[in-house]
N, C-alpha and C. Protein backbone atom coordinates (compact mmCIF):
# COMPACT_ATOMS: atom_id res chain seq x y z
N MET A 1 90.88 85.15 111.27
CA MET A 1 92.32 85.34 111.42
C MET A 1 92.69 86.76 111.00
N LYS A 2 93.52 87.40 111.82
CA LYS A 2 93.96 88.75 111.49
C LYS A 2 94.90 88.73 110.30
N LYS A 3 94.83 89.81 109.50
CA LYS A 3 95.71 89.96 108.34
C LYS A 3 96.96 90.76 108.75
N ASP A 4 98.11 90.31 108.26
CA ASP A 4 99.35 91.03 108.54
C ASP A 4 99.34 92.38 107.85
N LEU A 5 99.85 93.40 108.55
CA LEU A 5 99.83 94.76 108.05
C LEU A 5 101.17 95.42 108.32
N VAL A 6 101.72 96.07 107.28
CA VAL A 6 102.94 96.86 107.41
C VAL A 6 102.56 98.33 107.24
N LEU A 7 103.02 99.16 108.16
CA LEU A 7 102.77 100.59 108.11
C LEU A 7 103.95 101.30 107.46
N ILE A 8 103.66 102.33 106.69
CA ILE A 8 104.72 103.08 106.00
C ILE A 8 104.71 104.51 106.52
N GLY A 9 105.71 104.82 107.35
CA GLY A 9 105.81 106.13 107.99
C GLY A 9 105.56 106.02 109.48
N GLY A 10 106.51 106.50 110.29
CA GLY A 10 106.42 106.29 111.73
C GLY A 10 106.29 107.55 112.56
N GLY A 11 105.71 108.62 112.01
CA GLY A 11 105.57 109.87 112.74
C GLY A 11 104.29 109.94 113.55
N GLY A 12 103.85 111.18 113.81
CA GLY A 12 102.68 111.39 114.65
C GLY A 12 101.40 110.80 114.09
N HIS A 13 101.20 110.92 112.78
CA HIS A 13 99.99 110.35 112.17
C HIS A 13 99.99 108.84 112.33
N CYS A 14 101.16 108.22 112.26
CA CYS A 14 101.26 106.78 112.45
C CYS A 14 100.70 106.38 113.81
N LYS A 15 100.99 107.15 114.84
CA LYS A 15 100.50 106.83 116.18
C LYS A 15 98.97 106.83 116.22
N SER A 16 98.36 107.81 115.58
CA SER A 16 96.89 107.85 115.53
C SER A 16 96.34 106.66 114.76
N CYS A 17 97.01 106.31 113.66
CA CYS A 17 96.58 105.16 112.87
C CYS A 17 96.68 103.87 113.66
N ILE A 18 97.76 103.70 114.40
CA ILE A 18 97.93 102.49 115.21
C ILE A 18 96.76 102.33 116.17
N ASP A 19 96.37 103.42 116.82
CA ASP A 19 95.26 103.33 117.76
C ASP A 19 93.98 102.87 117.07
N VAL A 20 93.72 103.39 115.87
CA VAL A 20 92.53 102.97 115.12
C VAL A 20 92.65 101.50 114.72
N ILE A 21 93.81 101.12 114.20
CA ILE A 21 94.01 99.74 113.74
C ILE A 21 93.82 98.75 114.87
N GLU A 22 94.37 99.05 116.04
CA GLU A 22 94.22 98.14 117.18
C GLU A 22 92.76 97.98 117.58
N HIS A 23 91.96 99.02 117.42
CA HIS A 23 90.54 98.92 117.76
C HIS A 23 89.76 98.09 116.75
N THR A 24 90.24 98.00 115.51
CA THR A 24 89.49 97.24 114.50
C THR A 24 89.56 95.74 114.76
N ASN A 25 90.63 95.28 115.37
CA ASN A 25 90.84 93.84 115.62
C ASN A 25 90.85 93.04 114.32
N GLU A 26 91.22 93.70 113.22
CA GLU A 26 91.22 93.05 111.90
C GLU A 26 92.63 92.76 111.41
N PHE A 27 93.60 93.57 111.86
CA PHE A 27 94.96 93.47 111.33
C PHE A 27 95.97 93.23 112.45
N ASN A 28 97.03 92.53 112.10
CA ASN A 28 98.17 92.33 112.97
C ASN A 28 99.34 93.16 112.43
N ILE A 29 99.70 94.24 113.13
CA ILE A 29 100.77 95.11 112.67
C ILE A 29 102.10 94.40 112.89
N ILE A 30 102.82 94.10 111.80
CA ILE A 30 104.08 93.38 111.95
C ILE A 30 105.28 94.31 111.97
N GLY A 31 105.07 95.59 111.67
CA GLY A 31 106.17 96.53 111.74
C GLY A 31 105.92 97.76 110.90
N ILE A 32 106.91 98.65 110.93
CA ILE A 32 106.81 99.95 110.28
C ILE A 32 108.02 100.15 109.37
N LEU A 33 107.80 100.75 108.21
CA LEU A 33 108.88 101.14 107.31
C LEU A 33 109.09 102.64 107.45
N ASP A 34 110.35 103.04 107.61
CA ASP A 34 110.66 104.46 107.80
C ASP A 34 112.09 104.71 107.32
N GLN A 35 112.72 105.75 107.80
CA GLN A 35 114.08 106.06 107.38
C GLN A 35 115.06 105.02 107.93
N ARG A 36 116.14 104.81 107.17
CA ARG A 36 117.10 103.75 107.51
C ARG A 36 117.67 103.91 108.92
N GLU A 37 117.94 105.16 109.32
CA GLU A 37 118.54 105.38 110.63
C GLU A 37 117.59 105.07 111.79
N LEU A 38 116.31 104.87 111.48
CA LEU A 38 115.33 104.57 112.52
C LEU A 38 115.07 103.08 112.67
N ILE A 39 115.66 102.26 111.81
CA ILE A 39 115.47 100.81 111.91
C ILE A 39 115.90 100.33 113.29
N GLY A 40 115.04 99.54 113.90
CA GLY A 40 115.29 99.03 115.25
C GLY A 40 114.63 99.85 116.34
N SER A 41 114.23 101.09 116.03
CA SER A 41 113.48 101.89 117.01
C SER A 41 112.02 101.44 117.00
N HIS A 42 111.23 102.01 117.91
CA HIS A 42 109.85 101.56 118.06
C HIS A 42 108.90 102.75 118.11
N VAL A 43 107.69 102.53 117.61
CA VAL A 43 106.59 103.49 117.71
C VAL A 43 105.43 102.77 118.39
N LEU A 44 105.09 103.21 119.58
CA LEU A 44 104.03 102.57 120.37
C LEU A 44 104.23 101.06 120.47
N GLY A 45 105.47 100.65 120.57
CA GLY A 45 105.78 99.24 120.73
C GLY A 45 105.99 98.46 119.45
N TYR A 46 105.77 99.09 118.30
CA TYR A 46 105.95 98.42 117.02
C TYR A 46 107.29 98.83 116.41
N GLU A 47 108.04 97.85 115.94
CA GLU A 47 109.41 98.09 115.49
C GLU A 47 109.46 98.63 114.06
N VAL A 48 110.39 99.54 113.83
CA VAL A 48 110.73 99.95 112.47
C VAL A 48 111.61 98.84 111.89
N ILE A 49 111.09 98.17 110.87
CA ILE A 49 111.71 96.94 110.36
C ILE A 49 112.36 97.12 109.00
N GLY A 50 112.33 98.31 108.45
CA GLY A 50 112.94 98.53 107.14
C GLY A 50 112.59 99.89 106.59
N THR A 51 112.88 100.08 105.31
CA THR A 51 112.60 101.32 104.60
C THR A 51 111.66 101.01 103.42
N ASP A 52 111.31 102.05 102.67
CA ASP A 52 110.46 101.85 101.49
C ASP A 52 111.10 100.89 100.49
N ASP A 53 112.40 100.78 100.52
CA ASP A 53 113.09 99.87 99.59
C ASP A 53 112.80 98.41 99.89
N ASP A 54 112.21 98.15 101.06
CA ASP A 54 111.98 96.76 101.49
C ASP A 54 110.55 96.30 101.26
N LEU A 55 109.77 97.04 100.50
CA LEU A 55 108.36 96.69 100.32
C LEU A 55 108.17 95.24 99.89
N LEU A 56 108.95 94.80 98.92
CA LEU A 56 108.73 93.47 98.35
C LEU A 56 109.09 92.36 99.31
N LYS A 57 109.86 92.67 100.35
CA LYS A 57 110.16 91.65 101.37
C LYS A 57 108.90 91.26 102.14
N PHE A 58 107.91 92.14 102.09
CA PHE A 58 106.68 91.91 102.86
C PHE A 58 105.47 91.81 101.94
N LYS A 59 105.68 91.31 100.73
CA LYS A 59 104.63 91.32 99.72
C LYS A 59 103.42 90.46 100.09
N ALA A 60 103.60 89.56 101.05
CA ALA A 60 102.46 88.75 101.49
C ALA A 60 101.55 89.51 102.43
N SER A 61 101.99 90.68 102.87
CA SER A 61 101.22 91.48 103.83
C SER A 61 100.38 92.54 103.12
N HIS A 62 99.52 93.17 103.89
CA HIS A 62 98.84 94.38 103.46
C HIS A 62 99.67 95.58 103.90
N PHE A 63 99.42 96.72 103.27
CA PHE A 63 100.17 97.93 103.58
C PHE A 63 99.19 99.08 103.84
N LEU A 64 99.61 99.99 104.73
CA LEU A 64 98.88 101.23 104.94
C LEU A 64 99.88 102.37 105.03
N ILE A 65 99.63 103.43 104.29
CA ILE A 65 100.50 104.60 104.31
C ILE A 65 100.13 105.44 105.54
N THR A 66 101.10 105.55 106.47
CA THR A 66 100.84 106.28 107.71
C THR A 66 101.69 107.55 107.81
N VAL A 67 102.17 108.01 106.66
CA VAL A 67 102.76 109.34 106.57
C VAL A 67 101.61 110.35 106.61
N GLY A 68 101.77 111.43 107.37
CA GLY A 68 100.73 112.45 107.45
C GLY A 68 100.67 113.30 106.19
N GLN A 69 99.66 114.17 106.15
CA GLN A 69 99.47 115.04 104.99
C GLN A 69 98.94 116.38 105.46
N ILE A 70 99.83 117.37 105.53
CA ILE A 70 99.40 118.74 105.87
C ILE A 70 99.89 119.69 104.78
N LYS A 71 101.19 119.94 104.75
CA LYS A 71 101.72 120.88 103.76
C LYS A 71 101.69 120.32 102.35
N SER A 72 101.90 119.02 102.21
CA SER A 72 101.96 118.40 100.89
C SER A 72 101.59 116.93 100.99
N ASN A 73 100.99 116.42 99.93
CA ASN A 73 100.69 114.98 99.89
C ASN A 73 101.61 114.24 98.92
N LEU A 74 102.70 114.88 98.48
CA LEU A 74 103.55 114.26 97.47
C LEU A 74 104.13 112.94 97.95
N THR A 75 104.52 112.88 99.23
CA THR A 75 105.09 111.64 99.75
C THR A 75 104.06 110.53 99.77
N ARG A 76 102.86 110.81 100.26
CA ARG A 76 101.80 109.81 100.28
C ARG A 76 101.46 109.35 98.86
N ARG A 77 101.37 110.28 97.94
CA ARG A 77 101.04 109.93 96.55
C ARG A 77 102.13 109.05 95.94
N LYS A 78 103.41 109.38 96.19
CA LYS A 78 104.53 108.61 95.65
C LYS A 78 104.52 107.18 96.20
N ILE A 79 104.31 107.05 97.50
CA ILE A 79 104.27 105.72 98.11
C ILE A 79 103.11 104.91 97.55
N TYR A 80 101.95 105.55 97.42
CA TYR A 80 100.78 104.84 96.88
C TYR A 80 101.05 104.32 95.48
N LYS A 81 101.65 105.16 94.64
CA LYS A 81 101.98 104.72 93.28
C LYS A 81 102.93 103.53 93.30
N ASN A 82 103.89 103.57 94.21
CA ASN A 82 104.85 102.47 94.33
C ASN A 82 104.14 101.17 94.71
N LEU A 83 103.19 101.25 95.62
CA LEU A 83 102.43 100.06 96.02
C LEU A 83 101.63 99.52 94.84
N ILE A 84 100.98 100.40 94.11
CA ILE A 84 100.19 99.98 92.95
C ILE A 84 101.08 99.37 91.88
N ASP A 85 102.21 100.03 91.60
CA ASP A 85 103.11 99.54 90.55
C ASP A 85 103.65 98.15 90.86
N ASN A 86 103.76 97.84 92.15
CA ASN A 86 104.26 96.53 92.55
C ASN A 86 103.15 95.53 92.89
N SER A 87 101.92 95.90 92.58
CA SER A 87 100.75 95.03 92.78
C SER A 87 100.64 94.53 94.22
N LEU A 88 100.93 95.42 95.17
CA LEU A 88 100.86 95.06 96.58
C LEU A 88 99.48 95.39 97.14
N SER A 89 99.10 94.68 98.19
CA SER A 89 97.77 94.82 98.78
C SER A 89 97.72 96.04 99.69
N ILE A 90 96.74 96.89 99.48
CA ILE A 90 96.60 98.14 100.23
C ILE A 90 95.37 98.03 101.11
N ALA A 91 95.56 98.23 102.40
CA ALA A 91 94.47 98.10 103.36
C ALA A 91 93.57 99.33 103.35
N THR A 92 92.32 99.14 103.68
CA THR A 92 91.39 100.22 103.99
C THR A 92 90.98 100.03 105.45
N ILE A 93 91.10 101.08 106.24
CA ILE A 93 90.89 100.98 107.68
C ILE A 93 89.71 101.87 108.08
N ILE A 94 88.77 101.29 108.80
CA ILE A 94 87.62 102.04 109.30
C ILE A 94 87.50 101.79 110.80
N SER A 95 87.61 102.85 111.58
CA SER A 95 87.47 102.70 113.02
C SER A 95 86.09 102.17 113.38
N PRO A 96 86.02 101.24 114.33
CA PRO A 96 84.70 100.80 114.79
C PRO A 96 83.95 101.89 115.54
N ASN A 97 84.68 102.97 115.89
CA ASN A 97 84.04 104.11 116.55
C ASN A 97 83.58 105.17 115.56
N ALA A 98 83.76 104.91 114.28
CA ALA A 98 83.24 105.80 113.23
C ALA A 98 81.89 105.27 112.75
N HIS A 99 81.15 106.13 112.07
CA HIS A 99 79.94 105.68 111.39
C HIS A 99 80.14 105.85 109.90
N VAL A 100 80.12 104.75 109.18
CA VAL A 100 80.20 104.78 107.72
C VAL A 100 78.95 104.09 107.18
N SER A 101 78.15 104.84 106.47
CA SER A 101 76.91 104.29 105.92
C SER A 101 77.20 103.08 105.04
N LYS A 102 76.30 102.12 105.08
CA LYS A 102 76.43 100.96 104.18
C LYS A 102 76.23 101.37 102.73
N TYR A 103 75.76 102.57 102.50
CA TYR A 103 75.56 103.08 101.15
C TYR A 103 76.73 103.95 100.68
N ALA A 104 77.74 104.10 101.51
CA ALA A 104 78.93 104.88 101.14
C ALA A 104 79.98 103.97 100.50
N LYS A 105 80.91 104.57 99.76
CA LYS A 105 82.01 103.83 99.14
C LYS A 105 83.32 104.43 99.62
N ILE A 106 84.23 103.54 100.05
CA ILE A 106 85.52 103.97 100.59
C ILE A 106 86.63 103.33 99.77
N GLY A 107 87.59 104.14 99.29
CA GLY A 107 88.64 103.65 98.42
C GLY A 107 89.79 102.97 99.15
N ALA A 108 90.64 102.33 98.38
CA ALA A 108 91.80 101.61 98.91
C ALA A 108 92.79 102.56 99.56
N GLY A 109 93.33 102.16 100.69
CA GLY A 109 94.34 102.95 101.36
C GLY A 109 93.81 104.08 102.21
N THR A 110 92.50 104.22 102.26
CA THR A 110 91.88 105.29 103.06
C THR A 110 91.69 104.83 104.49
N ILE A 111 91.89 105.75 105.43
CA ILE A 111 91.60 105.46 106.83
C ILE A 111 90.52 106.41 107.32
N ILE A 112 89.52 105.84 107.99
CA ILE A 112 88.45 106.60 108.62
C ILE A 112 88.70 106.54 110.12
N MET A 113 89.02 107.68 110.71
CA MET A 113 89.46 107.73 112.09
C MET A 113 88.27 107.73 113.06
N HIS A 114 88.60 107.67 114.35
CA HIS A 114 87.58 107.61 115.40
C HIS A 114 86.57 108.75 115.29
N HIS A 115 85.30 108.37 115.42
CA HIS A 115 84.17 109.31 115.52
C HIS A 115 83.94 110.14 114.26
N ALA A 116 84.57 109.75 113.16
CA ALA A 116 84.21 110.36 111.87
C ALA A 116 82.86 109.81 111.42
N ILE A 117 82.18 110.57 110.58
CA ILE A 117 80.89 110.15 110.03
C ILE A 117 80.94 110.31 108.51
N VAL A 118 80.58 109.23 107.81
CA VAL A 118 80.47 109.27 106.35
C VAL A 118 79.06 108.82 106.02
N ASN A 119 78.24 109.72 105.55
CA ASN A 119 76.82 109.43 105.40
C ASN A 119 76.46 108.88 104.01
N SER A 120 75.18 108.65 103.81
CA SER A 120 74.67 107.85 102.69
C SER A 120 75.11 108.37 101.33
N GLU A 121 75.52 107.42 100.49
CA GLU A 121 75.87 107.65 99.10
C GLU A 121 77.00 108.65 98.93
N SER A 122 77.83 108.80 99.95
CA SER A 122 79.08 109.53 99.78
C SER A 122 80.14 108.59 99.24
N THR A 123 81.11 109.15 98.55
CA THR A 123 82.21 108.38 97.98
C THR A 123 83.52 109.02 98.40
N ILE A 124 84.39 108.21 99.00
CA ILE A 124 85.72 108.67 99.40
C ILE A 124 86.73 107.94 98.52
N GLY A 125 87.66 108.68 97.94
CA GLY A 125 88.63 108.09 97.02
C GLY A 125 89.72 107.29 97.70
N ASN A 126 90.77 107.01 96.94
CA ASN A 126 91.89 106.21 97.42
C ASN A 126 92.89 107.06 98.21
N ASN A 127 93.52 106.42 99.19
CA ASN A 127 94.66 107.03 99.90
C ASN A 127 94.27 108.34 100.58
N CYS A 128 93.12 108.34 101.23
CA CYS A 128 92.64 109.53 101.93
C CYS A 128 92.73 109.35 103.45
N ILE A 129 92.80 110.47 104.14
CA ILE A 129 92.68 110.52 105.59
C ILE A 129 91.38 111.25 105.92
N ILE A 130 90.46 110.54 106.55
CA ILE A 130 89.26 111.18 107.08
C ILE A 130 89.45 111.19 108.59
N ASN A 131 89.86 112.33 109.10
CA ASN A 131 90.40 112.39 110.44
C ASN A 131 89.31 112.45 111.52
N THR A 132 89.75 112.41 112.76
CA THR A 132 88.88 112.31 113.91
C THR A 132 87.76 113.35 113.88
N LYS A 133 86.52 112.87 114.01
CA LYS A 133 85.30 113.70 114.09
C LYS A 133 84.97 114.46 112.81
N ALA A 134 85.64 114.13 111.71
CA ALA A 134 85.24 114.75 110.43
C ALA A 134 83.85 114.25 110.04
N LEU A 135 83.11 115.09 109.34
CA LEU A 135 81.76 114.74 108.86
C LEU A 135 81.70 114.91 107.35
N ILE A 136 81.37 113.81 106.68
CA ILE A 136 81.15 113.82 105.22
C ILE A 136 79.67 113.54 105.02
N GLU A 137 78.93 114.53 104.58
CA GLU A 137 77.48 114.35 104.48
C GLU A 137 77.09 113.63 103.18
N HIS A 138 75.79 113.38 103.07
CA HIS A 138 75.22 112.57 101.99
C HIS A 138 75.61 113.09 100.61
N ASP A 139 75.85 112.17 99.70
CA ASP A 139 76.06 112.46 98.28
C ASP A 139 77.29 113.30 97.99
N THR A 140 78.19 113.37 98.93
CA THR A 140 79.43 114.12 98.71
C THR A 140 80.51 113.20 98.16
N VAL A 141 81.29 113.72 97.24
CA VAL A 141 82.39 112.97 96.63
C VAL A 141 83.71 113.61 97.06
N VAL A 142 84.60 112.81 97.60
CA VAL A 142 85.95 113.24 97.95
C VAL A 142 86.92 112.48 97.06
N GLY A 143 87.80 113.19 96.37
CA GLY A 143 88.71 112.57 95.42
C GLY A 143 89.82 111.77 96.08
N ASN A 144 90.84 111.46 95.32
CA ASN A 144 91.97 110.67 95.80
C ASN A 144 93.01 111.55 96.49
N HIS A 145 93.73 110.96 97.44
CA HIS A 145 94.87 111.61 98.10
C HIS A 145 94.46 112.89 98.81
N CYS A 146 93.33 112.84 99.51
CA CYS A 146 92.82 113.99 100.25
C CYS A 146 92.96 113.78 101.75
N HIS A 147 93.03 114.87 102.48
CA HIS A 147 93.01 114.84 103.95
C HIS A 147 91.90 115.77 104.42
N ILE A 148 90.89 115.17 105.03
CA ILE A 148 89.81 115.94 105.65
C ILE A 148 90.11 115.93 107.15
N SER A 149 90.52 117.07 107.67
CA SER A 149 91.10 117.14 109.01
C SER A 149 90.07 117.02 110.12
N THR A 150 90.58 117.05 111.34
CA THR A 150 89.76 116.87 112.53
C THR A 150 88.60 117.87 112.59
N ALA A 151 87.41 117.31 112.78
CA ALA A 151 86.18 118.09 112.97
C ALA A 151 85.81 118.97 111.78
N ALA A 152 86.39 118.72 110.61
CA ALA A 152 85.96 119.42 109.40
C ALA A 152 84.60 118.88 108.95
N VAL A 153 83.82 119.74 108.29
CA VAL A 153 82.48 119.37 107.84
C VAL A 153 82.36 119.61 106.34
N LEU A 154 82.02 118.55 105.62
CA LEU A 154 81.65 118.67 104.21
C LEU A 154 80.17 118.38 104.12
N ASN A 155 79.37 119.40 103.81
CA ASN A 155 77.93 119.19 103.77
C ASN A 155 77.50 118.46 102.49
N GLY A 156 76.21 118.24 102.34
CA GLY A 156 75.71 117.36 101.31
C GLY A 156 75.99 117.84 99.89
N ASN A 157 76.19 116.87 98.99
CA ASN A 157 76.34 117.11 97.55
C ASN A 157 77.55 117.96 97.19
N CYS A 158 78.59 117.90 98.01
CA CYS A 158 79.84 118.57 97.65
C CYS A 158 80.65 117.69 96.72
N ASN A 159 81.52 118.31 95.96
CA ASN A 159 82.42 117.59 95.05
C ASN A 159 83.84 118.10 95.30
N ILE A 160 84.65 117.26 95.93
CA ILE A 160 86.00 117.63 96.32
C ILE A 160 86.98 116.92 95.41
N GLY A 161 87.90 117.65 94.80
CA GLY A 161 88.82 117.07 93.83
C GLY A 161 89.93 116.26 94.46
N ASP A 162 90.91 115.89 93.67
CA ASP A 162 92.07 115.15 94.14
C ASP A 162 93.06 116.09 94.84
N ASP A 163 93.85 115.51 95.77
CA ASP A 163 94.97 116.25 96.38
C ASP A 163 94.49 117.50 97.12
N VAL A 164 93.39 117.37 97.82
CA VAL A 164 92.80 118.49 98.57
C VAL A 164 93.02 118.29 100.07
N PHE A 165 93.36 119.36 100.75
CA PHE A 165 93.48 119.38 102.20
C PHE A 165 92.44 120.33 102.77
N ILE A 166 91.60 119.82 103.67
CA ILE A 166 90.61 120.63 104.36
C ILE A 166 91.01 120.71 105.83
N GLY A 167 91.28 121.91 106.33
CA GLY A 167 91.81 122.08 107.67
C GLY A 167 90.80 121.80 108.77
N SER A 168 91.32 121.66 109.98
CA SER A 168 90.48 121.37 111.14
C SER A 168 89.40 122.44 111.33
N ASN A 169 88.18 121.96 111.62
CA ASN A 169 87.02 122.82 111.89
C ASN A 169 86.59 123.67 110.71
N ALA A 170 87.12 123.39 109.53
CA ALA A 170 86.60 124.06 108.33
C ALA A 170 85.20 123.53 108.03
N ALA A 171 84.39 124.36 107.39
CA ALA A 171 83.03 123.97 107.02
C ALA A 171 82.79 124.31 105.56
N VAL A 172 82.34 123.33 104.80
CA VAL A 172 82.05 123.52 103.37
C VAL A 172 80.55 123.37 103.19
N ALA A 173 79.92 124.41 102.63
CA ALA A 173 78.46 124.43 102.49
C ALA A 173 77.99 123.41 101.45
N ASN A 174 76.68 123.19 101.42
CA ASN A 174 76.08 122.26 100.47
C ASN A 174 76.39 122.64 99.02
N HIS A 175 76.54 121.62 98.18
CA HIS A 175 76.65 121.79 96.72
C HIS A 175 77.90 122.57 96.29
N ILE A 176 78.93 122.57 97.11
CA ILE A 176 80.16 123.28 96.77
C ILE A 176 81.11 122.34 96.02
N THR A 177 81.78 122.88 95.00
CA THR A 177 82.82 122.17 94.28
C THR A 177 84.18 122.78 94.63
N ILE A 178 85.13 121.93 94.98
CA ILE A 178 86.51 122.34 95.23
C ILE A 178 87.40 121.56 94.28
N LYS A 179 88.12 122.27 93.43
CA LYS A 179 88.95 121.61 92.41
C LYS A 179 90.20 120.99 93.03
N ASP A 180 91.02 120.34 92.18
CA ASP A 180 92.22 119.64 92.63
C ASP A 180 93.24 120.62 93.23
N ASN A 181 94.09 120.05 94.12
CA ASN A 181 95.27 120.78 94.64
C ASN A 181 94.90 122.08 95.35
N VAL A 182 93.93 121.96 96.23
CA VAL A 182 93.49 123.09 97.04
C VAL A 182 93.77 122.81 98.51
N VAL A 183 94.21 123.82 99.23
CA VAL A 183 94.35 123.77 100.68
C VAL A 183 93.37 124.78 101.27
N VAL A 184 92.46 124.29 102.11
CA VAL A 184 91.52 125.16 102.82
C VAL A 184 91.98 125.21 104.27
N GLY A 185 92.24 126.39 104.77
CA GLY A 185 92.81 126.55 106.09
C GLY A 185 91.86 126.16 107.21
N ALA A 186 92.43 125.97 108.38
CA ALA A 186 91.65 125.61 109.56
C ALA A 186 90.60 126.67 109.86
N GLY A 187 89.39 126.23 110.17
CA GLY A 187 88.32 127.12 110.57
C GLY A 187 87.68 127.93 109.47
N VAL A 188 88.07 127.69 108.23
CA VAL A 188 87.53 128.46 107.10
C VAL A 188 86.11 127.99 106.78
N THR A 189 85.24 128.93 106.45
CA THR A 189 83.90 128.62 105.97
C THR A 189 83.89 128.83 104.45
N VAL A 190 83.53 127.79 103.73
CA VAL A 190 83.54 127.83 102.26
C VAL A 190 82.09 127.82 101.77
N ILE A 191 81.64 128.95 101.20
CA ILE A 191 80.27 129.02 100.68
C ILE A 191 80.25 129.43 99.22
N ARG A 192 81.38 129.28 98.54
CA ARG A 192 81.42 129.43 97.08
C ARG A 192 82.37 128.39 96.53
N ASN A 193 82.24 128.09 95.26
CA ASN A 193 83.12 127.12 94.61
C ASN A 193 84.56 127.63 94.57
N ILE A 194 85.50 126.70 94.67
CA ILE A 194 86.92 127.03 94.50
C ILE A 194 87.38 126.36 93.20
N THR A 195 87.69 127.17 92.21
CA THR A 195 87.93 126.64 90.87
C THR A 195 89.39 126.68 90.45
N THR A 196 90.26 127.18 91.32
CA THR A 196 91.69 127.21 91.01
C THR A 196 92.48 126.64 92.17
N ALA A 197 93.63 126.04 91.87
CA ALA A 197 94.49 125.49 92.91
C ALA A 197 95.06 126.62 93.76
N GLY A 198 95.36 126.29 95.02
CA GLY A 198 95.99 127.30 95.87
C GLY A 198 95.61 127.09 97.33
N ILE A 199 96.05 128.04 98.15
CA ILE A 199 95.80 128.01 99.59
C ILE A 199 94.78 129.10 99.90
N PHE A 200 93.72 128.71 100.61
CA PHE A 200 92.62 129.62 100.87
C PHE A 200 92.39 129.74 102.37
N THR A 201 92.35 130.96 102.85
CA THR A 201 92.04 131.24 104.25
C THR A 201 90.99 132.33 104.29
N GLY A 202 90.28 132.42 105.41
CA GLY A 202 89.21 133.39 105.53
C GLY A 202 87.91 132.85 104.96
N LYS A 203 86.84 133.59 105.12
CA LYS A 203 85.52 133.17 104.64
C LYS A 203 85.44 133.31 103.13
N LEU A 204 85.15 132.21 102.45
CA LEU A 204 85.14 132.22 100.99
C LEU A 204 83.70 132.39 100.51
N ASN A 205 83.30 133.66 100.35
CA ASN A 205 81.91 133.94 100.02
C ASN A 205 81.74 134.90 98.89
N LYS A 206 82.81 135.25 98.18
CA LYS A 206 82.71 136.25 97.12
C LYS A 206 82.84 135.61 95.76
């Protein structure tokens, strides 16, 4: 029997999530929570049925945060805390078109999108987005509230902190550590550790 699922956030990322969820055949999406003025509208045929204030009305369901994360993850982090504080069930979604090793660990609220690869003994934290065609190699740790964007590559034995954004087509070399609250721009090659928070563009090799 499919489990009921409520999505939180009805923007572009939500559309990608819906496509993954429908392919899993595991959940029945009963609606979306978004801004009050959007109640009654639809996203890919699914109705906006309330706002974040209505979480407890659907406490028998599972929840997935479908707000995107590019400039900031503060909204995703706030919603996640609210779900935890109210002891609500948080779904973990893995596309059947992804490869996730049986030796990997995936946290609550994380979505693994189509054609992503998570290899042996990697660990992905809570409330993460592992986007389309991203590659997480063996023994790599990704913290909580991270977004690993489309076609980004994290090579083996990397350690990625919390609240990290890795842009599309970025590549992180083996054994690299990236501390919390870092943004790595699209297409950036990272071959040295990043030990301070901030936004990084260009080849990081010095």
